[in-house]
N, C-alpha and C. Protein backbone atom coordinates (compact mmCIF):
# COMPACT_ATOMS: atom_id res chain seq x y z
N MET A 1 0.85 -1.18 0.00
CA MET A 1 0.00 0.00 0.00
C MET A 1 0.89 1.23 0.00
N ILE A 2 0.56 2.15 -0.85
CA ILE A 2 1.29 3.41 -0.95
C ILE A 2 0.74 4.37 0.09
N LYS A 3 1.63 5.09 0.79
CA LYS A 3 1.23 6.10 1.77
C LYS A 3 1.84 7.44 1.35
N PRO A 4 1.11 8.21 0.54
CA PRO A 4 1.67 9.47 0.04
C PRO A 4 1.92 10.48 1.14
N LYS A 5 2.92 11.32 0.90
CA LYS A 5 3.31 12.34 1.87
C LYS A 5 2.88 13.75 1.44
N SER A 6 2.37 13.88 0.19
CA SER A 6 1.99 15.21 -0.29
C SER A 6 0.82 15.09 -1.27
N TYR A 7 0.17 16.23 -1.47
CA TYR A 7 -0.92 16.28 -2.45
C TYR A 7 -0.39 15.96 -3.85
N GLU A 8 0.83 16.42 -4.15
CA GLU A 8 1.43 16.16 -5.45
C GLU A 8 1.63 14.66 -5.67
N GLU A 9 2.07 13.97 -4.63
CA GLU A 9 2.28 12.53 -4.71
C GLU A 9 0.95 11.81 -4.96
N ILE A 10 -0.11 12.26 -4.31
CA ILE A 10 -1.43 11.66 -4.54
C ILE A 10 -1.86 11.90 -5.98
N ALA A 11 -1.73 13.13 -6.46
CA ALA A 11 -2.13 13.47 -7.83
C ALA A 11 -1.39 12.61 -8.85
N GLN A 12 -0.09 12.44 -8.66
CA GLN A 12 0.69 11.62 -9.58
C GLN A 12 0.27 10.16 -9.51
N SER A 13 -0.04 9.68 -8.33
CA SER A 13 -0.41 8.28 -8.14
C SER A 13 -1.71 7.92 -8.84
N ILE A 14 -2.67 8.85 -8.87
CA ILE A 14 -3.99 8.52 -9.43
C ILE A 14 -4.16 8.94 -10.89
N GLU A 15 -3.14 9.56 -11.45
CA GLU A 15 -3.23 10.05 -12.82
C GLU A 15 -3.43 8.92 -13.83
N ASN A 16 -2.76 7.80 -13.62
CA ASN A 16 -2.83 6.67 -14.54
C ASN A 16 -3.09 5.38 -13.80
N GLY A 17 -3.70 4.45 -14.50
CA GLY A 17 -3.93 3.13 -13.93
C GLY A 17 -5.17 3.07 -13.07
N GLN A 18 -5.32 1.94 -12.40
CA GLN A 18 -6.47 1.66 -11.56
C GLN A 18 -6.04 1.74 -10.10
N ASN A 19 -6.67 2.63 -9.38
CA ASN A 19 -6.27 2.92 -8.01
C ASN A 19 -7.45 2.87 -7.07
N ILE A 20 -7.19 2.42 -5.86
CA ILE A 20 -8.21 2.48 -4.81
C ILE A 20 -7.65 3.33 -3.68
N LEU A 21 -8.33 4.45 -3.44
CA LEU A 21 -7.96 5.32 -2.34
C LEU A 21 -8.65 4.81 -1.08
N PHE A 22 -7.87 4.54 -0.05
CA PHE A 22 -8.36 4.04 1.23
C PHE A 22 -8.23 5.18 2.22
N PHE A 23 -9.34 5.87 2.52
CA PHE A 23 -9.34 6.98 3.46
C PHE A 23 -9.47 6.43 4.87
N THR A 24 -8.55 6.86 5.74
CA THR A 24 -8.46 6.32 7.09
C THR A 24 -7.95 7.39 8.03
N ALA A 25 -7.88 7.07 9.32
CA ALA A 25 -7.28 7.95 10.33
C ALA A 25 -6.83 7.10 11.50
N ALA A 26 -5.79 7.53 12.17
CA ALA A 26 -5.21 6.77 13.27
C ALA A 26 -6.20 6.55 14.42
N TRP A 27 -7.07 7.51 14.67
CA TRP A 27 -8.01 7.44 15.79
C TRP A 27 -9.26 6.62 15.48
N CYS A 28 -9.44 6.21 14.23
CA CYS A 28 -10.68 5.58 13.77
C CYS A 28 -10.71 4.09 14.11
N GLY A 29 -11.60 3.70 15.01
CA GLY A 29 -11.72 2.31 15.41
C GLY A 29 -12.11 1.38 14.27
N ASP A 30 -13.03 1.82 13.42
CA ASP A 30 -13.44 1.00 12.28
C ASP A 30 -12.31 0.84 11.27
N CYS A 31 -11.45 1.85 11.18
CA CYS A 31 -10.27 1.76 10.30
C CYS A 31 -9.29 0.73 10.86
N ARG A 32 -9.07 0.78 12.17
CA ARG A 32 -8.17 -0.19 12.81
C ARG A 32 -8.71 -1.61 12.67
N PHE A 33 -10.04 -1.75 12.61
CA PHE A 33 -10.67 -3.06 12.44
C PHE A 33 -10.32 -3.66 11.07
N ILE A 34 -10.38 -2.85 10.01
CA ILE A 34 -10.18 -3.38 8.65
C ILE A 34 -8.71 -3.37 8.22
N LYS A 35 -7.91 -2.51 8.81
CA LYS A 35 -6.52 -2.35 8.37
C LYS A 35 -5.72 -3.66 8.32
N PRO A 36 -5.82 -4.55 9.32
CA PRO A 36 -5.06 -5.81 9.24
C PRO A 36 -5.47 -6.70 8.06
N LEU A 37 -6.67 -6.48 7.52
CA LEU A 37 -7.16 -7.29 6.40
C LEU A 37 -6.81 -6.68 5.05
N MET A 38 -6.33 -5.45 5.04
CA MET A 38 -6.03 -4.78 3.78
C MET A 38 -4.96 -5.50 2.95
N PRO A 39 -3.89 -6.06 3.53
CA PRO A 39 -2.92 -6.79 2.71
C PRO A 39 -3.56 -7.97 1.95
N GLU A 40 -4.51 -8.66 2.58
CA GLU A 40 -5.22 -9.75 1.91
C GLU A 40 -6.06 -9.22 0.76
N ILE A 41 -6.78 -8.13 1.01
CA ILE A 41 -7.63 -7.53 -0.03
C ILE A 41 -6.76 -7.08 -1.20
N GLU A 42 -5.63 -6.46 -0.90
CA GLU A 42 -4.70 -6.03 -1.96
C GLU A 42 -4.20 -7.22 -2.77
N ALA A 43 -3.82 -8.28 -2.08
CA ALA A 43 -3.28 -9.47 -2.76
C ALA A 43 -4.32 -10.10 -3.68
N GLU A 44 -5.58 -10.03 -3.30
CA GLU A 44 -6.67 -10.61 -4.09
C GLU A 44 -7.06 -9.73 -5.28
N HIS A 45 -6.57 -8.50 -5.30
CA HIS A 45 -6.92 -7.55 -6.36
C HIS A 45 -5.68 -6.84 -6.89
N PRO A 46 -4.76 -7.60 -7.49
CA PRO A 46 -3.50 -7.01 -7.96
C PRO A 46 -3.66 -6.04 -9.13
N GLU A 47 -4.85 -6.00 -9.72
CA GLU A 47 -5.09 -5.07 -10.82
C GLU A 47 -5.20 -3.63 -10.33
N PHE A 48 -5.27 -3.44 -9.01
CA PHE A 48 -5.37 -2.11 -8.43
C PHE A 48 -4.13 -1.76 -7.63
N LYS A 49 -3.83 -0.48 -7.62
CA LYS A 49 -2.81 0.07 -6.72
C LYS A 49 -3.60 0.69 -5.56
N PHE A 50 -3.30 0.28 -4.35
CA PHE A 50 -3.99 0.78 -3.17
C PHE A 50 -3.19 1.94 -2.57
N ILE A 51 -3.89 3.02 -2.28
CA ILE A 51 -3.26 4.23 -1.77
C ILE A 51 -3.96 4.62 -0.47
N GLU A 52 -3.21 4.60 0.62
CA GLU A 52 -3.77 4.95 1.93
C GLU A 52 -3.69 6.46 2.13
N ILE A 53 -4.85 7.07 2.35
CA ILE A 53 -4.93 8.52 2.54
C ILE A 53 -5.34 8.80 3.98
N ASP A 54 -4.46 9.45 4.73
CA ASP A 54 -4.79 9.85 6.10
C ASP A 54 -5.73 11.05 6.02
N ARG A 55 -6.97 10.82 6.42
CA ARG A 55 -7.98 11.86 6.30
C ARG A 55 -7.61 13.13 7.04
N ASP A 56 -6.97 13.01 8.18
CA ASP A 56 -6.60 14.18 8.96
C ASP A 56 -5.47 14.96 8.30
N GLN A 57 -4.53 14.24 7.71
CA GLN A 57 -3.40 14.89 7.03
C GLN A 57 -3.84 15.57 5.73
N PHE A 58 -4.83 14.99 5.07
CA PHE A 58 -5.29 15.50 3.78
C PHE A 58 -6.78 15.88 3.86
N MET A 59 -7.12 16.68 4.87
CA MET A 59 -8.52 17.06 5.09
C MET A 59 -9.13 17.78 3.89
N ASP A 60 -8.37 18.66 3.23
CA ASP A 60 -8.89 19.37 2.06
C ASP A 60 -9.33 18.38 0.98
N LEU A 61 -8.54 17.34 0.77
CA LEU A 61 -8.87 16.33 -0.23
C LEU A 61 -10.11 15.55 0.20
N ALA A 62 -10.20 15.20 1.47
CA ALA A 62 -11.37 14.48 1.98
C ALA A 62 -12.64 15.30 1.77
N VAL A 63 -12.57 16.59 2.03
CA VAL A 63 -13.73 17.46 1.83
C VAL A 63 -14.07 17.54 0.34
N LYS A 64 -13.06 17.73 -0.49
CA LYS A 64 -13.28 17.83 -1.94
C LYS A 64 -13.94 16.57 -2.49
N TRP A 65 -13.56 15.41 -1.95
CA TRP A 65 -14.09 14.14 -2.43
C TRP A 65 -15.30 13.67 -1.63
N ASP A 66 -15.84 14.54 -0.76
CA ASP A 66 -17.02 14.21 0.05
C ASP A 66 -16.81 12.96 0.90
N ILE A 67 -15.67 12.89 1.57
CA ILE A 67 -15.36 11.78 2.46
C ILE A 67 -15.68 12.25 3.88
N PHE A 68 -16.88 11.94 4.34
CA PHE A 68 -17.29 12.37 5.67
C PHE A 68 -17.40 11.21 6.64
N GLY A 69 -17.16 10.02 6.16
CA GLY A 69 -17.13 8.84 7.02
C GLY A 69 -15.94 7.99 6.63
N ILE A 70 -15.31 7.38 7.61
CA ILE A 70 -14.16 6.52 7.33
C ILE A 70 -14.31 5.24 8.12
N PRO A 71 -13.74 4.15 7.66
CA PRO A 71 -12.94 4.03 6.44
C PRO A 71 -13.83 4.14 5.20
N SER A 72 -13.26 4.71 4.17
CA SER A 72 -13.96 4.84 2.89
C SER A 72 -13.02 4.53 1.75
N PHE A 73 -13.60 4.13 0.63
CA PHE A 73 -12.84 3.71 -0.53
C PHE A 73 -13.37 4.43 -1.77
N VAL A 74 -12.45 5.00 -2.55
CA VAL A 74 -12.80 5.63 -3.82
C VAL A 74 -11.90 5.00 -4.88
N VAL A 75 -12.53 4.55 -5.96
CA VAL A 75 -11.79 3.89 -7.04
C VAL A 75 -11.61 4.88 -8.18
N ILE A 76 -10.36 5.02 -8.61
CA ILE A 76 -9.99 5.96 -9.66
C ILE A 76 -9.33 5.17 -10.79
N LYS A 77 -9.81 5.39 -12.01
CA LYS A 77 -9.18 4.78 -13.18
C LYS A 77 -8.74 5.91 -14.11
N ASP A 78 -7.44 5.98 -14.36
CA ASP A 78 -6.87 7.02 -15.23
C ASP A 78 -7.37 8.41 -14.86
N GLY A 79 -7.37 8.69 -13.55
CA GLY A 79 -7.71 10.02 -13.06
C GLY A 79 -9.19 10.30 -12.88
N LYS A 80 -10.07 9.34 -13.22
CA LYS A 80 -11.51 9.56 -13.10
C LYS A 80 -12.13 8.56 -12.12
N GLU A 81 -13.02 9.07 -11.29
CA GLU A 81 -13.68 8.20 -10.32
C GLU A 81 -14.62 7.24 -11.04
N ILE A 82 -14.54 5.95 -10.66
CA ILE A 82 -15.44 4.95 -11.26
C ILE A 82 -16.27 4.22 -10.20
N GLY A 83 -16.02 4.50 -8.93
CA GLY A 83 -16.81 3.87 -7.88
C GLY A 83 -16.40 4.36 -6.51
N ARG A 84 -17.33 4.21 -5.56
CA ARG A 84 -17.02 4.62 -4.19
C ARG A 84 -17.83 3.80 -3.20
N LEU A 85 -17.18 3.54 -2.09
CA LEU A 85 -17.80 2.91 -0.94
C LEU A 85 -17.51 3.86 0.22
N VAL A 86 -18.38 4.84 0.34
CA VAL A 86 -18.15 5.94 1.28
C VAL A 86 -19.35 6.06 2.21
N ASN A 87 -19.11 5.77 3.48
CA ASN A 87 -20.12 5.95 4.51
C ASN A 87 -19.43 5.83 5.87
N LYS A 88 -20.20 5.96 6.92
CA LYS A 88 -19.61 5.93 8.26
C LYS A 88 -19.62 4.53 8.87
N ALA A 89 -20.13 3.55 8.15
CA ALA A 89 -20.28 2.21 8.70
C ALA A 89 -18.96 1.44 8.72
N ARG A 90 -18.84 0.53 9.67
CA ARG A 90 -17.71 -0.40 9.70
C ARG A 90 -17.85 -1.30 8.47
N LYS A 91 -16.72 -1.56 7.83
CA LYS A 91 -16.74 -2.38 6.63
C LYS A 91 -16.02 -3.70 6.88
N THR A 92 -16.56 -4.77 6.32
CA THR A 92 -15.93 -6.08 6.45
C THR A 92 -15.13 -6.37 5.18
N LYS A 93 -14.26 -7.35 5.26
CA LYS A 93 -13.50 -7.79 4.09
C LYS A 93 -14.47 -8.22 3.00
N ALA A 94 -15.52 -8.94 3.35
CA ALA A 94 -16.50 -9.41 2.36
C ALA A 94 -17.18 -8.24 1.65
N GLU A 95 -17.55 -7.20 2.38
CA GLU A 95 -18.19 -6.02 1.77
C GLU A 95 -17.25 -5.31 0.80
N ILE A 96 -16.01 -5.15 1.21
CA ILE A 96 -15.03 -4.46 0.37
C ILE A 96 -14.74 -5.28 -0.88
N THR A 97 -14.58 -6.58 -0.71
CA THR A 97 -14.32 -7.46 -1.85
C THR A 97 -15.48 -7.43 -2.83
N LYS A 98 -16.70 -7.50 -2.33
CA LYS A 98 -17.89 -7.45 -3.19
C LYS A 98 -17.93 -6.12 -3.96
N PHE A 99 -17.67 -5.04 -3.25
CA PHE A 99 -17.63 -3.72 -3.89
C PHE A 99 -16.63 -3.68 -5.04
N ILE A 100 -15.43 -4.17 -4.80
CA ILE A 100 -14.38 -4.16 -5.81
C ILE A 100 -14.77 -5.04 -7.00
N GLU A 101 -15.29 -6.22 -6.71
CA GLU A 101 -15.64 -7.15 -7.79
C GLU A 101 -16.81 -6.65 -8.62
N GLU A 102 -17.74 -5.91 -8.01
CA GLU A 102 -18.88 -5.38 -8.75
C GLU A 102 -18.51 -4.21 -9.67
N LEU A 103 -17.30 -3.70 -9.52
CA LEU A 103 -16.85 -2.64 -10.42
C LEU A 103 -16.68 -3.15 -11.85
N GLY A 104 -16.43 -4.46 -11.96
CA GLY A 104 -16.26 -5.08 -13.27
C GLY A 104 -14.96 -4.68 -13.96
N VAL A 105 -13.96 -4.33 -13.19
CA VAL A 105 -12.67 -3.91 -13.73
C VAL A 105 -11.70 -5.09 -13.67
N GLU A 106 -10.93 -5.25 -14.73
CA GLU A 106 -9.94 -6.34 -14.74
C GLU A 106 -8.56 -5.81 -14.94
């Protein structure tokens, strides 16, 4: 999982290819719940580059992308959003996997 340090790094990362932005925060209990499962989810979906976005560090980006609940996932293909799983609910590995598979991206 890529952990960008700047807005420029995020912009470059999502410009090309298939990316999943994982919005999280250190204080978020639901984020801590799913984080240990993220390596498995990544391994099962190698067609995507996973990018962890600290919501507190990149608050302007979270607001711009309407990320008001975490953990949340936004899928970007060649710079354009193609799907989102954004809400305040705790997410399970099964829910995230289903979301990714329903995108129909290979």
